[in-house]
C-alpha atoms as a PDB file:
ATOM      1  CA  MET A   1     -12.654   8.428  -6.106  1.00  0.00           C
ATOM      2  CA  LYS A   2     -10.228   7.314  -8.809  1.00  0.00           C
ATOM      3  CA  LEU A   3      -6.496   7.690  -8.476  1.00  0.00           C
ATOM      4  CA  SER A   4      -4.591   9.643 -11.100  1.00  0.00           C
ATOM      5  CA  LEU A   5      -1.134   8.223 -11.738  1.00  0.00           C
ATOM      6  CA  GLU A   6       1.807   9.519 -13.718  1.00  0.00           C
ATOM      7  CA  TRP A   7       3.877   6.651 -15.087  1.00  0.00           C
ATOM      8  CA  ASP A   8       7.607   6.122 -15.329  1.00  0.00           C
ATOM      9  CA  ARG A   9       7.400   3.184 -17.729  1.00  0.00           C
ATOM     10  CA  ALA A  10      11.103   2.360 -17.574  1.00  0.00           C
ATOM     11  CA  SER A  11      11.063   1.688 -13.838  1.00  0.00           C
ATOM     12  CA  ARG A  12       7.512   0.278 -13.634  1.00  0.00           C
ATOM     13  CA  VAL A  13       6.758   2.852 -10.948  1.00  0.00           C
ATOM     14  CA  ALA A  14       3.725   5.123 -10.692  1.00  0.00           C
ATOM     15  CA  ILE A  15       3.756   8.452  -8.877  1.00  0.00           C
ATOM     16  CA  PRO A  16       0.412   9.760  -7.585  1.00  0.00           C
ATOM     17  CA  THR A  17      -0.429  13.187  -8.988  1.00  0.00           C
ATOM     18  CA  ASN A  18      -3.612  14.201  -7.181  1.00  0.00           C
ATOM     19  CA  THR A  19      -3.673  12.305  -3.886  1.00  0.00           C
ATOM     20  CA  MET A  20      -1.652  12.217  -0.691  1.00  0.00           C
ATOM     21  CA  THR A  21       0.604   9.321   0.219  1.00  0.00           C
ATOM     22  CA  LEU A  22       2.196   8.156   3.463  1.00  0.00           C
ATOM     23  CA  THR A  23       5.040  10.659   3.150  1.00  0.00           C
ATOM     24  CA  ASP A  24       2.581  13.556   3.362  1.00  0.00           C
ATOM     25  CA  LEU A  25       2.758  13.020   7.105  1.00  0.00           C
ATOM     26  CA  ALA A  26       5.520  15.250   8.449  1.00  0.00           C
ATOM     27  CA  GLY A  27       8.786  13.472   9.172  1.00  0.00           C
ATOM     28  CA  VAL A  28       7.833  10.153   7.556  1.00  0.00           C
ATOM     29  CA  GLN A  29      10.167   8.862   4.849  1.00  0.00           C
ATOM     30  CA  VAL A  30       9.906   5.809   2.575  1.00  0.00           C
ATOM     31  CA  GLY A  31      12.720   4.084   0.716  1.00  0.00           C
ATOM     32  CA  HIS A  32      12.663   1.161  -1.727  1.00  0.00           C
ATOM     33  CA  TRP A  33      15.296  -1.286  -2.870  1.00  0.00           C
ATOM     34  CA  THR A  34      14.329  -3.339  -5.918  1.00  0.00           C
ATOM     35  CA  HIS A  35      16.496  -6.188  -7.160  1.00  0.00           C
ATOM     36  CA  PRO A  36      17.742  -5.263 -10.653  1.00  0.00           C
ATOM     37  CA  ASP A  37      17.298  -8.758 -12.097  1.00  0.00           C
ATOM     38  CA  ALA A  38      14.696 -10.564  -9.980  1.00  0.00           C
ATOM     39  CA  PRO A  39      11.119  -9.851  -8.845  1.00  0.00           C
ATOM     40  CA  THR A  40      11.852  -9.073  -5.200  1.00  0.00           C
ATOM     41  CA  GLY A  41      12.863  -6.176  -2.994  1.00  0.00           C
ATOM     42  CA  CYS A  42      12.258  -4.408   0.291  1.00  0.00           C
ATOM     43  CA  THR A  43      10.756  -1.172   1.562  1.00  0.00           C
ATOM     44  CA  VAL A  44      11.657   0.798   4.677  1.00  0.00           C
ATOM     45  CA  ILE A  45       9.436   3.326   6.452  1.00  0.00           C
ATOM     46  CA  VAL A  46      11.598   5.675   8.522  1.00  0.00           C
ATOM     47  CA  LEU A  47       9.694   7.311  11.393  1.00  0.00           C
ATOM     48  CA  PRO A  48      10.269  10.564  13.231  1.00  0.00           C
ATOM     49  CA  GLU A  49      10.728  10.512  16.987  1.00  0.00           C
ATOM     50  CA  PRO A  50       8.987  10.468  19.362  1.00  0.00           C
ATOM     51  CA  ASN A  51       6.456   7.921  18.171  1.00  0.00           C
ATOM     52  CA  VAL A  52       4.291   5.108  19.483  1.00  0.00           C
ATOM     53  CA  THR A  53       3.911   1.974  17.358  1.00  0.00           C
ATOM     54  CA  THR A  54       1.763  -1.153  17.560  1.00  0.00           C
ATOM     55  CA  VAL A  55       0.871  -4.097  15.330  1.00  0.00           C
ATOM     56  CA  GLU A  56      -1.983  -6.497  14.679  1.00  0.00           C
ATOM     57  CA  VAL A  57      -1.480  -9.835  12.923  1.00  0.00           C
ATOM     58  CA  ARG A  58      -4.512 -11.618  11.462  1.00  0.00           C
ATOM     59  CA  GLY A  59      -3.221 -13.818   8.659  1.00  0.00           C
ATOM     60  CA  GLY A  60      -2.620 -17.502   9.257  1.00  0.00           C
ATOM     61  CA  ALA A  61       0.950 -17.590   7.909  1.00  0.00           C
ATOM     62  CA  PRO A  62       2.845 -14.487   9.087  1.00  0.00           C
ATOM     63  CA  GLY A  63       6.572 -13.913   8.884  1.00  0.00           C
ATOM     64  CA  THR A  64       7.604 -11.193  11.320  1.00  0.00           C
ATOM     65  CA  ARG A  65      10.361  -9.635  13.413  1.00  0.00           C
ATOM     66  CA  GLU A  66      10.061  -7.713  16.734  1.00  0.00           C
ATOM     67  CA  THR A  67       6.261  -7.773  16.739  1.00  0.00           C
ATOM     68  CA  ASP A  68       5.981  -9.039  20.351  1.00  0.00           C
ATOM     69  CA  LEU A  69       7.628  -5.808  21.462  1.00  0.00           C
ATOM     70  CA  LEU A  70       4.752  -3.789  19.976  1.00  0.00           C
ATOM     71  CA  ALA A  71       1.997  -5.209  22.198  1.00  0.00           C
ATOM     72  CA  VAL A  72       0.135  -3.059  24.710  1.00  0.00           C
ATOM     73  CA  GLY A  73       2.037  -3.009  28.020  1.00  0.00           C
ATOM     74  CA  MET A  74       5.505  -3.620  26.605  1.00  0.00           C
ATOM     75  CA  ARG A  75       8.234  -1.314  27.879  1.00  0.00           C
ATOM     76  CA  VAL A  76       9.605  -0.034  24.558  1.00  0.00           C
ATOM     77  CA  GLU A  77       6.941   1.885  22.623  1.00  0.00           C
ATOM     78  CA  GLN A  78       9.056   3.728  20.053  1.00  0.00           C
ATOM     79  CA  VAL A  79      10.614   2.320  16.889  1.00  0.00           C
ATOM     80  CA  GLN A  80      13.007   3.914  14.437  1.00  0.00           C
ATOM     81  CA  ALA A  81      11.864   2.222  11.235  1.00  0.00           C
ATOM     82  CA  ILE A  82       9.627  -0.514   9.864  1.00  0.00           C
ATOM     83  CA  LEU A  83      10.767  -3.048   7.259  1.00  0.00           C
ATOM     84  CA  LEU A  84       8.417  -4.604   4.701  1.00  0.00           C
ATOM     85  CA  THR A  85      10.201  -7.120   2.514  1.00  0.00           C
ATOM     86  CA  GLY A  86      10.011  -9.879  -0.028  1.00  0.00           C
ATOM     87  CA  GLY A  87      11.986 -13.092   0.304  1.00  0.00           C
ATOM     88  CA  SER A  88       9.750 -14.800   2.854  1.00  0.00           C
ATOM     89  CA  ALA A  89      11.619 -15.588   6.092  1.00  0.00           C
ATOM     90  CA  PHE A  90      14.953 -15.087   4.324  1.00  0.00           C
ATOM     91  CA  GLY A  91      14.042 -11.462   3.684  1.00  0.00           C
ATOM     92  CA  LEU A  92      13.978 -10.619   7.393  1.00  0.00           C
ATOM     93  CA  ALA A  93      17.774 -10.413   7.123  1.00  0.00           C
ATOM     94  CA  ALA A  94      17.247  -7.042   5.435  1.00  0.00           C
ATOM     95  CA  ALA A  95      16.400  -5.579   8.845  1.00  0.00           C
ATOM     96  CA  ASP A  96      20.033  -6.064   9.891  1.00  0.00           C
ATOM     97  CA  GLY A  97      21.119  -3.505   7.321  1.00  0.00           C
ATOM     98  CA  VAL A  98      18.525  -1.006   8.532  1.00  0.00           C
ATOM     99  CA  VAL A  99      19.664  -1.512  12.138  1.00  0.00           C
ATOM    100  CA  THR A 100      23.301  -0.959  11.138  1.00  0.00           C
ATOM    101  CA  GLU A 101      22.581   2.307   9.335  1.00  0.00           C
ATOM    102  CA  LEU A 102      20.416   3.608  12.174  1.00  0.00           C
ATOM    103  CA  ALA A 103      23.180   2.772  14.671  1.00  0.00           C
ATOM    104  CA  ARG A 104      25.651   4.761  12.575  1.00  0.00           C
ATOM    105  CA  GLN A 105      23.309   7.728  12.950  1.00  0.00           C
ATOM    106  CA  GLY A 106      23.134   7.209  16.708  1.00  0.00           C
ATOM    107  CA  ARG A 107      19.422   6.373  16.636  1.00  0.00           C
ATOM    108  CA  GLY A 108      17.815   3.699  18.770  1.00  0.00           C
ATOM    109  CA  HIS A 109      16.470   2.763  22.167  1.00  0.00           C
ATOM    110  CA  PRO A 110      18.862   4.124  24.814  1.00  0.00           C
ATOM    111  CA  THR A 111      20.813   1.495  26.752  1.00  0.00           C
ATOM    112  CA  PRO A 112      23.987   1.613  28.903  1.00  0.00           C
ATOM    113  CA  ALA A 113      25.833   0.171  25.891  1.00  0.00           C
ATOM    114  CA  GLY A 114      24.505   2.813  23.517  1.00  0.00           C
ATOM    115  CA  PRO A 115      21.430   3.147  21.284  1.00  0.00           C
ATOM    116  CA  VAL A 116      19.841  -0.093  20.043  1.00  0.00           C
ATOM    117  CA  PRO A 117      17.733   0.525  16.904  1.00  0.00           C
ATOM    118  CA  ILE A 118      14.269  -1.051  16.974  1.00  0.00           C
ATOM    119  CA  VAL A 119      13.162  -2.184  13.500  1.00  0.00           C
ATOM    120  CA  PRO A 120      10.040  -4.381  13.369  1.00  0.00           C
ATOM    121  CA  GLY A 121       9.423  -6.105  10.064  1.00  0.00           C
ATOM    122  CA  ALA A 122       7.191  -8.436   8.104  1.00  0.00           C
ATOM    123  CA  VAL A 123       7.560 -10.427   4.893  1.00  0.00           C
ATOM    124  CA  VAL A 124       5.625 -11.436   1.813  1.00  0.00           C
ATOM    125  CA  PHE A 125       6.191 -14.718   0.004  1.00  0.00           C
ATOM    126  CA  ASP A 126       7.495 -13.892  -3.467  1.00  0.00           C
ATOM    127  CA  LEU A 127       9.858 -16.839  -3.922  1.00  0.00           C
ATOM    128  CA  ALA A 128      10.078 -18.545  -7.278  1.00  0.00           C
ATOM    129  CA  ILE A 129       8.250 -21.869  -7.361  1.00  0.00           C
ATOM    130  CA  GLU A 130      11.052 -23.347  -9.454  1.00  0.00           C
ATOM    131  CA  GLY A 131      14.745 -22.447  -9.478  1.00  0.00           C
ATOM    132  CA  GLU A 132      16.798 -20.138  -7.305  1.00  0.00           C
ATOM    133  CA  GLN A 133      15.853 -16.518  -6.709  1.00  0.00           C
ATOM    134  CA  PRO A 134      17.898 -13.823  -4.969  1.00  0.00           C
ATOM    135  CA  LYS A 135      16.471 -12.624  -1.675  1.00  0.00           C
ATOM    136  CA  PRO A 136      16.714  -9.294   0.144  1.00  0.00           C
ATOM    137  CA  ASP A 137      19.621  -9.223   2.598  1.00  0.00           C
ATOM    138  CA  ALA A 138      21.333  -6.759   4.925  1.00  0.00           C
ATOM    139  CA  PHE A 139      22.761  -4.826   1.963  1.00  0.00           C
ATOM    140  CA  SER A 140      19.259  -4.546   0.508  1.00  0.00           C
ATOM    141  CA  GLY A 141      17.810  -3.193   3.751  1.00  0.00           C
ATOM    142  CA  ALA A 142      20.630  -0.665   4.100  1.00  0.00           C
ATOM    143  CA  ALA A 143      20.092   0.473   0.500  1.00  0.00           C
ATOM    144  CA  ALA A 144      16.344   0.932   1.049  1.00  0.00           C
ATOM    145  CA  PHE A 145      17.009   2.901   4.224  1.00  0.00           C
ATOM    146  CA  MET A 146      19.557   5.152   2.507  1.00  0.00           C
ATOM    147  CA  ALA A 147      17.063   5.751  -0.326  1.00  0.00           C
ATOM    148  CA  ALA A 148      14.341   6.928   2.074  1.00  0.00           C
ATOM    149  CA  THR A 149      12.798  10.260   1.120  1.00  0.00           C
ATOM    150  CA  ASP A 150       9.748  12.349   1.872  1.00  0.00           C
ATOM    151  CA  ASP A 151       8.877  12.536  -1.833  1.00  0.00           C
ATOM    152  CA  PRO A 152       5.490  11.019  -2.818  1.00  0.00           C
ATOM    153  CA  VAL A 153       5.686   7.255  -2.398  1.00  0.00           C
ATOM    154  CA  ALA A 154       6.689   5.445  -5.582  1.00  0.00           C
ATOM    155  CA  MET A 155       4.032   2.801  -6.219  1.00  0.00           C
ATOM    156  CA  GLY A 156       3.667  -0.319  -8.324  1.00  0.00           C
ATOM    157  CA  ARG A 157       6.150  -3.155  -8.764  1.00  0.00           C
ATOM    158  CA  VAL A 158       8.899  -1.658  -6.666  1.00  0.00           C
ATOM    159  CA  GLY A 159      10.544  -2.495  -3.347  1.00  0.00           C
ATOM    160  CA  ALA A 160       8.662  -5.119  -1.353  1.00  0.00           C
ATOM    161  CA  GLY A 161       6.010  -5.113  -4.094  1.00  0.00           C
ATOM    162  CA  ALA A 162       8.362  -6.040  -6.928  1.00  0.00           C
ATOM    163  CA  GLY A 163       7.228  -9.672  -7.024  1.00  0.00           C
ATOM    164  CA  THR A 164       3.717  -9.582  -5.587  1.00  0.00           C
ATOM    165  CA  SER A 165       0.460 -10.801  -7.078  1.00  0.00           C
ATOM    166  CA  ALA A 166      -3.202 -11.486  -6.277  1.00  0.00           C
ATOM    167  CA  ALA A 167      -6.144 -13.719  -7.226  1.00  0.00           C
ATOM    168  CA  LYS A 168      -4.218 -16.981  -6.786  1.00  0.00           C
ATOM    169  CA  TRP A 169      -7.039 -18.666  -4.894  1.00  0.00           C
ATOM    170  CA  ARG A 170      -8.804 -19.304  -8.225  1.00  0.00           C
ATOM    171  CA  GLY A 171      -5.695 -20.941  -9.714  1.00  0.00           C
ATOM    172  CA  PHE A 172      -2.398 -19.595 -10.993  1.00  0.00           C
ATOM    173  CA  GLU A 173      -3.817 -18.946 -14.457  1.00  0.00           C
ATOM    174  CA  TYR A 174      -5.873 -16.118 -12.888  1.00  0.00           C
ATOM    175  CA  LEU A 175      -2.873 -14.496 -11.197  1.00  0.00           C
ATOM    176  CA  VAL A 176      -2.724 -10.687 -11.461  1.00  0.00           C
ATOM    177  CA  ARG A 177       0.462  -8.731 -10.802  1.00  0.00           C
ATOM    178  CA  THR A 178       0.127  -6.210  -8.003  1.00  0.00           C
ATOM    179  CA  GLY A 179       2.592  -4.109  -6.021  1.00  0.00           C
ATOM    180  CA  ILE A 180       2.837  -1.302  -3.497  1.00  0.00           C
ATOM    181  CA  GLY A 181       0.125   1.301  -3.009  1.00  0.00           C
ATOM    182  CA  SER A 182      -0.111   4.301  -0.724  1.00  0.00           C
ATOM    183  CA  ALA A 183      -2.719   6.884   0.223  1.00  0.00           C
ATOM    184  CA  ALA A 184      -3.443   9.378   2.984  1.00  0.00           C
ATOM    185  CA  VAL A 185      -6.605  11.165   4.105  1.00  0.00           C
ATOM    186  CA  GLU A 186      -7.446  14.030   6.427  1.00  0.00           C
ATOM    187  CA  THR A 187      -9.793  13.721   9.380  1.00  0.00           C
ATOM    188  CA  PRO A 188     -12.472  16.308  10.219  1.00  0.00           C
ATOM    189  CA  ASP A 189     -10.400  17.432  13.223  1.00  0.00           C
ATOM    190  CA  GLY A 190      -7.451  18.356  11.015  1.00  0.00           C
ATOM    191  CA  HIS A 191      -5.191  15.323  11.414  1.00  0.00           C
ATOM    192  CA  ARG A 192      -3.921  12.926   8.762  1.00  0.00           C
ATOM    193  CA  VAL A 193      -3.716   9.165   8.501  1.00  0.00           C
ATOM    194  CA  GLY A 194      -1.533   7.606   5.820  1.00  0.00           C
ATOM    195  CA  ALA A 195      -1.157   4.015   4.675  1.00  0.00           C
ATOM    196  CA  LEU A 196       1.347   2.023   2.632  1.00  0.00           C
ATOM    197  CA  VAL A 197       0.291  -1.461   1.530  1.00  0.00           C
ATOM    198  CA  VAL A 198       2.261  -4.340   0.024  1.00  0.00           C
ATOM    199  CA  LEU A 199      -0.363  -6.291  -1.869  1.00  0.00           C
ATOM    200  CA  ASN A 200       0.252 -10.035  -2.202  1.00  0.00           C
ATOM    201  CA  PRO A 201      -3.049 -11.718  -1.237  1.00  0.00           C
ATOM    202  CA  VAL A 202      -4.317 -15.143  -2.188  1.00  0.00           C
ATOM    203  CA  GLY A 203      -7.721 -13.526  -2.811  1.00  0.00           C
ATOM    204  CA  ASP A 204      -9.108 -11.133  -5.387  1.00  0.00           C
ATOM    205  CA  VAL A 205      -8.917  -7.365  -4.978  1.00  0.00           C
ATOM    206  CA  PHE A 206     -11.813  -4.888  -4.985  1.00  0.00           C
ATOM    207  CA  THR A 207     -12.166  -1.172  -4.363  1.00  0.00           C
ATOM    208  CA  LEU A 208     -13.938   0.048  -1.250  1.00  0.00           C
ATOM    209  CA  GLU A 209     -16.954   0.633  -3.498  1.00  0.00           C
ATOM    210  CA  GLY A 210     -16.928  -3.015  -4.614  1.00  0.00           C
ATOM    211  CA  GLU A 211     -15.430  -2.658  -8.104  1.00  0.00           C
ATOM    212  CA  SER A 212     -13.440  -5.769  -9.024  1.00  0.00           C
ATOM    213  CA  LEU A 213      -9.807  -4.976  -9.833  1.00  0.00           C
ATOM    214  CA  THR A 214      -8.583  -8.514 -10.510  1.00  0.00           C
ATOM    215  CA  GLY A 215     -11.605 -10.138 -12.158  1.00  0.00           C
ATOM    216  CA  GLY A 216     -13.042 -11.879  -9.127  1.00  0.00           C
ATOM    217  CA  ASP A 217     -16.670 -12.405  -8.217  1.00  0.00           C
ATOM    218  CA  PRO A 218     -17.866  -9.990  -5.502  1.00  0.00           C
ATOM    219  CA  VAL A 219     -19.302 -12.986  -3.643  1.00  0.00           C
ATOM    220  CA  PRO A 220     -16.523 -15.605  -3.646  1.00  0.00           C
ATOM    221  CA  GLY A 221     -17.449 -19.265  -3.674  1.00  0.00           C
ATOM    222  CA  PRO A 222     -15.428 -22.217  -2.363  1.00  0.00           C
ATOM    223  CA  PRO A 223     -11.717 -21.577  -2.983  1.00  0.00           C
ATOM    224  CA  GLY A 224      -9.852 -23.320  -5.778  1.00  0.00           C
ATOM    225  CA  ILE A 225      -6.406 -23.152  -4.187  1.00  0.00           C
ATOM    226  CA  ARG A 226      -3.924 -25.568  -5.723  1.00  0.00           C
ATOM    227  CA  PRO A 227      -2.791 -28.557  -3.606  1.00  0.00           C
ATOM    228  CA  GLN A 228       0.738 -27.218  -3.027  1.00  0.00           C
ATOM    229  CA  PRO A 229       0.975 -24.613  -0.230  1.00  0.00           C
ATOM    230  CA  VAL A 230       1.536 -21.091  -1.539  1.00  0.00           C
ATOM    231  CA  VAL A 231       2.079 -18.385   1.040  1.00  0.00           C
ATOM    232  CA  ASN A 232       0.809 -14.898   0.257  1.00  0.00           C
ATOM    233  CA  THR A 233       0.127 -11.869   2.523  1.00  0.00           C
ATOM    234  CA  VAL A 234      -1.007  -8.236   2.724  1.00  0.00           C
ATOM    235  CA  LEU A 235       1.310  -5.960   4.699  1.00  0.00           C
ATOM    236  CA  ALA A 236       0.305  -2.459   5.754  1.00  0.00           C
ATOM    237  CA  ALA A 237       2.052   0.339   7.618  1.00  0.00           C
ATOM    238  CA  LEU A 238      -0.121   3.230   8.812  1.00  0.00           C
ATOM    239  CA  VAL A 239       0.875   6.497  10.439  1.00  0.00           C
ATOM    240  CA  THR A 240      -1.236   9.176  12.110  1.00  0.00           C
ATOM    241  CA  ASP A 241       0.007  12.640  13.016  1.00  0.00           C
ATOM    242  CA  ALA A 242      -2.212  12.655  16.120  1.00  0.00           C
ATOM    243  CA  ALA A 243      -0.795  11.712  19.515  1.00  0.00           C
ATOM    244  CA  MET A 244      -2.226   8.363  20.650  1.00  0.00           C
ATOM    245  CA  SER A 245      -1.497   5.586  23.094  1.00  0.00           C
ATOM    246  CA  ARG A 246      -0.737   2.091  21.963  1.00  0.00           C
ATOM    247  CA  ALA A 247      -4.186   0.957  23.101  1.00  0.00           C
ATOM    248  CA  GLU A 248      -5.829   3.705  21.045  1.00  0.00           C
ATOM    249  CA  LEU A 249      -3.748   2.789  17.989  1.00  0.00           C
ATOM    250  CA  THR A 250      -5.146  -0.739  18.094  1.00  0.00           C
ATOM    251  CA  ARG A 251      -8.500   0.712  16.993  1.00  0.00           C
ATOM    252  CA  LEU A 252      -6.816   2.046  13.841  1.00  0.00           C
ATOM    253  CA  ALA A 253      -5.246  -1.368  13.263  1.00  0.00           C
ATOM    254  CA  VAL A 254      -8.645  -3.052  13.559  1.00  0.00           C
ATOM    255  CA  ARG A 255     -10.192  -0.710  10.985  1.00  0.00           C
ATOM    256  CA  ALA A 256      -7.233  -1.163   8.649  1.00  0.00           C
ATOM    257  CA  HIS A 257      -7.798  -4.912   8.818  1.00  0.00           C
ATOM    258  CA  ASP A 258     -11.490  -4.246   8.162  1.00  0.00           C
ATOM    259  CA  ALA A 259     -10.451  -2.488   4.954  1.00  0.00           C
ATOM    260  CA  ILE A 260      -8.359  -5.506   3.994  1.00  0.00           C
ATOM    261  CA  GLY A 261     -11.443  -7.655   4.583  1.00  0.00           C
ATOM    262  CA  ALA A 262     -13.575  -5.328   2.458  1.00  0.00           C
ATOM    263  CA  CYS A 263     -11.108  -5.115  -0.429  1.00  0.00           C
ATOM    264  CA  ILE A 264      -9.574  -8.611  -0.409  1.00  0.00           C
ATOM    265  CA  ARG A 265     -11.936 -11.538  -0.936  1.00  0.00           C
ATOM    266  CA  PRO A 266     -11.245 -13.882   0.734  1.00  0.00           C
ATOM    267  CA  ALA A 267      -8.928 -12.218   3.284  1.00  0.00           C
ATOM    268  CA  HIS A 268      -7.009 -13.386   6.360  1.00  0.00           C
ATOM    269  CA  THR A 269      -6.854 -16.967   5.130  1.00  0.00           C
ATOM    270  CA  ARG A 270      -4.446 -19.570   6.433  1.00  0.00           C
ATOM    271  CA  PHE A 271      -2.422 -18.939   3.262  1.00  0.00           C
ATOM    272  CA  ASP A 272      -1.969 -15.231   4.096  1.00  0.00           C
ATOM    273  CA  GLY A 273       0.265 -13.564   6.675  1.00  0.00           C
ATOM    274  CA  ASP A 274      -1.649 -10.293   6.939  1.00  0.00           C
ATOM    275  CA  VAL A 275       0.066  -7.769   9.231  1.00  0.00           C
ATOM    276  CA  VAL A 276      -0.805  -4.130  10.024  1.00  0.00           C
ATOM    277  CA  PHE A 277       1.635  -1.760  11.758  1.00  0.00           C
ATOM    278  CA  VAL A 278       0.291   1.556  13.081  1.00  0.00           C
ATOM    279  CA  SER A 279       2.368   4.475  14.382  1.00  0.00           C
ATOM    280  CA  ALA A 280       1.448   7.778  16.005  1.00  0.00           C
ATOM    281  CA  VAL A 281       4.005  10.518  15.383  1.00  0.00           C
ATOM    282  CA  GLY A 282       2.124  13.629  16.562  1.00  0.00           C
ATOM    283  CA  LEU A 283       2.155  15.717  19.711  1.00  0.00           C
ATOM    284  CA  ASP A 284      -1.474  16.910  19.621  1.00  0.00           C
ATOM    285  CA  SER A 285      -4.245  14.535  20.618  1.00  0.00           C
ATOM    286  CA  GLY A 286      -6.783  13.500  17.996  1.00  0.00           C
ATOM    287  CA  ASP A 287     -10.148  11.802  17.966  1.00  0.00           C
ATOM    288  CA  VAL A 288      -9.575   8.046  17.952  1.00  0.00           C
ATOM    289  CA  ASP A 289     -12.819   7.202  16.150  1.00  0.00           C
ATOM    290  CA  LEU A 290     -12.216   9.742  13.392  1.00  0.00           C
ATOM    291  CA  ALA A 291      -8.673   8.452  12.951  1.00  0.00           C
ATOM    292  CA  ALA A 292      -9.901   4.848  12.841  1.00  0.00           C
ATOM    293  CA  GLU A 293     -12.314   5.631  10.017  1.00  0.00           C
ATOM    294  CA  ALA A 294      -9.548   7.494   8.201  1.00  0.00           C
ATOM    295  CA  ALA A 295      -7.386   4.372   8.601  1.00  0.00           C
ATOM    296  CA  PHE A 296     -10.122   2.323   6.916  1.00  0.00           C
ATOM    297  CA  VAL A 297     -10.301   4.682   3.939  1.00  0.00           C
ATOM    298  CA  ALA A 298      -6.541   5.189   3.601  1.00  0.00           C
ATOM    299  CA  THR A 299      -5.915   1.430   3.645  1.00  0.00           C
ATOM    300  CA  GLY A 300      -8.630   0.777   1.070  1.00  0.00           C
ATOM    301  CA  ARG A 301      -7.338   3.522  -1.243  1.00  0.00           C
ATOM    302  CA  ALA A 302      -3.785   2.223  -0.872  1.00  0.00           C
ATOM    303  CA  ILE A 303      -4.931  -1.281  -1.834  1.00  0.00           C
ATOM    304  CA  GLU A 304      -6.642   0.107  -4.916  1.00  0.00           C
ATOM    305  CA  ALA A 305      -3.548   2.099  -5.827  1.00  0.00           C
ATOM    306  CA  GLY A 306      -1.373  -1.007  -5.489  1.00  0.00           C
ATOM    307  CA  VAL A 307      -3.331  -2.710  -8.271  1.00  0.00           C
ATOM    308  CA  ARG A 308      -3.805   0.285 -10.545  1.00  0.00           C
ATOM    309  CA  ALA A 309      -0.131   1.279 -10.320  1.00  0.00           C
ATOM    310  CA  SER A 310       0.992  -2.226 -11.313  1.00  0.00           C
ATOM    311  CA  ALA A 311      -1.200  -2.770 -14.390  1.00  0.00           C
END
């Protein structure tokens, strides 16, 4: 399956015209903030309530916020939003703006002192190797949250994908600009699984069918990573409209990481901070195995879209 994209050349954003995106799941909204003068930004996924959310981290260099809370057995299972951001560890400050705006709306985990918004987040490394570069901050996160909409997800070099790239393991001269991609698929039992991916891997990118999107060899040899450490990362946020427990959602997270392994070669290296969030926002139970396979496909299609929308 090839993705058909309608381009807005001025903003470097592609809108999908014949495929579903994450916002095709009822109640899910996505907002981007892109720095006007620098290749960085942040993206916020706003979730309906009730929901159950979990996470699985497999990269060797993650930058995260509130992920311990999302483990099986933890008391708080519901989150209000998820932040994906550039700026490396500095970019986690963008979550403060999301928390502030949610608090103004009265949303959050109930406490005797009032609602406390729960906003897990993860970062990609898009910092300039030389010179100063602006980084997402609380204002940026608030702006992304306020821009959230249920329109089809804008893809390409926007939001957290504004400064991302791939294929750096072969040397910087092979670097390919990437961005944000999104896709959603339906399961045979009538549910949907959607994915949004921020694509910044050290490895090359392939489709689920094995087509090279960044010029890499399908069977990678020994890496040619430069001596200086360069941090990368693939971030993904998935949502299903089936009701599931946190333990069941981990199966979707595993298959989403499998898709990263199939499409990114090599994946989950010590130079990557690969993180997958998965949320269930439905009230009707669904088949976990069907949803897990849908998570694999949706993640793979989103990865493909992230490259094609950024060309």
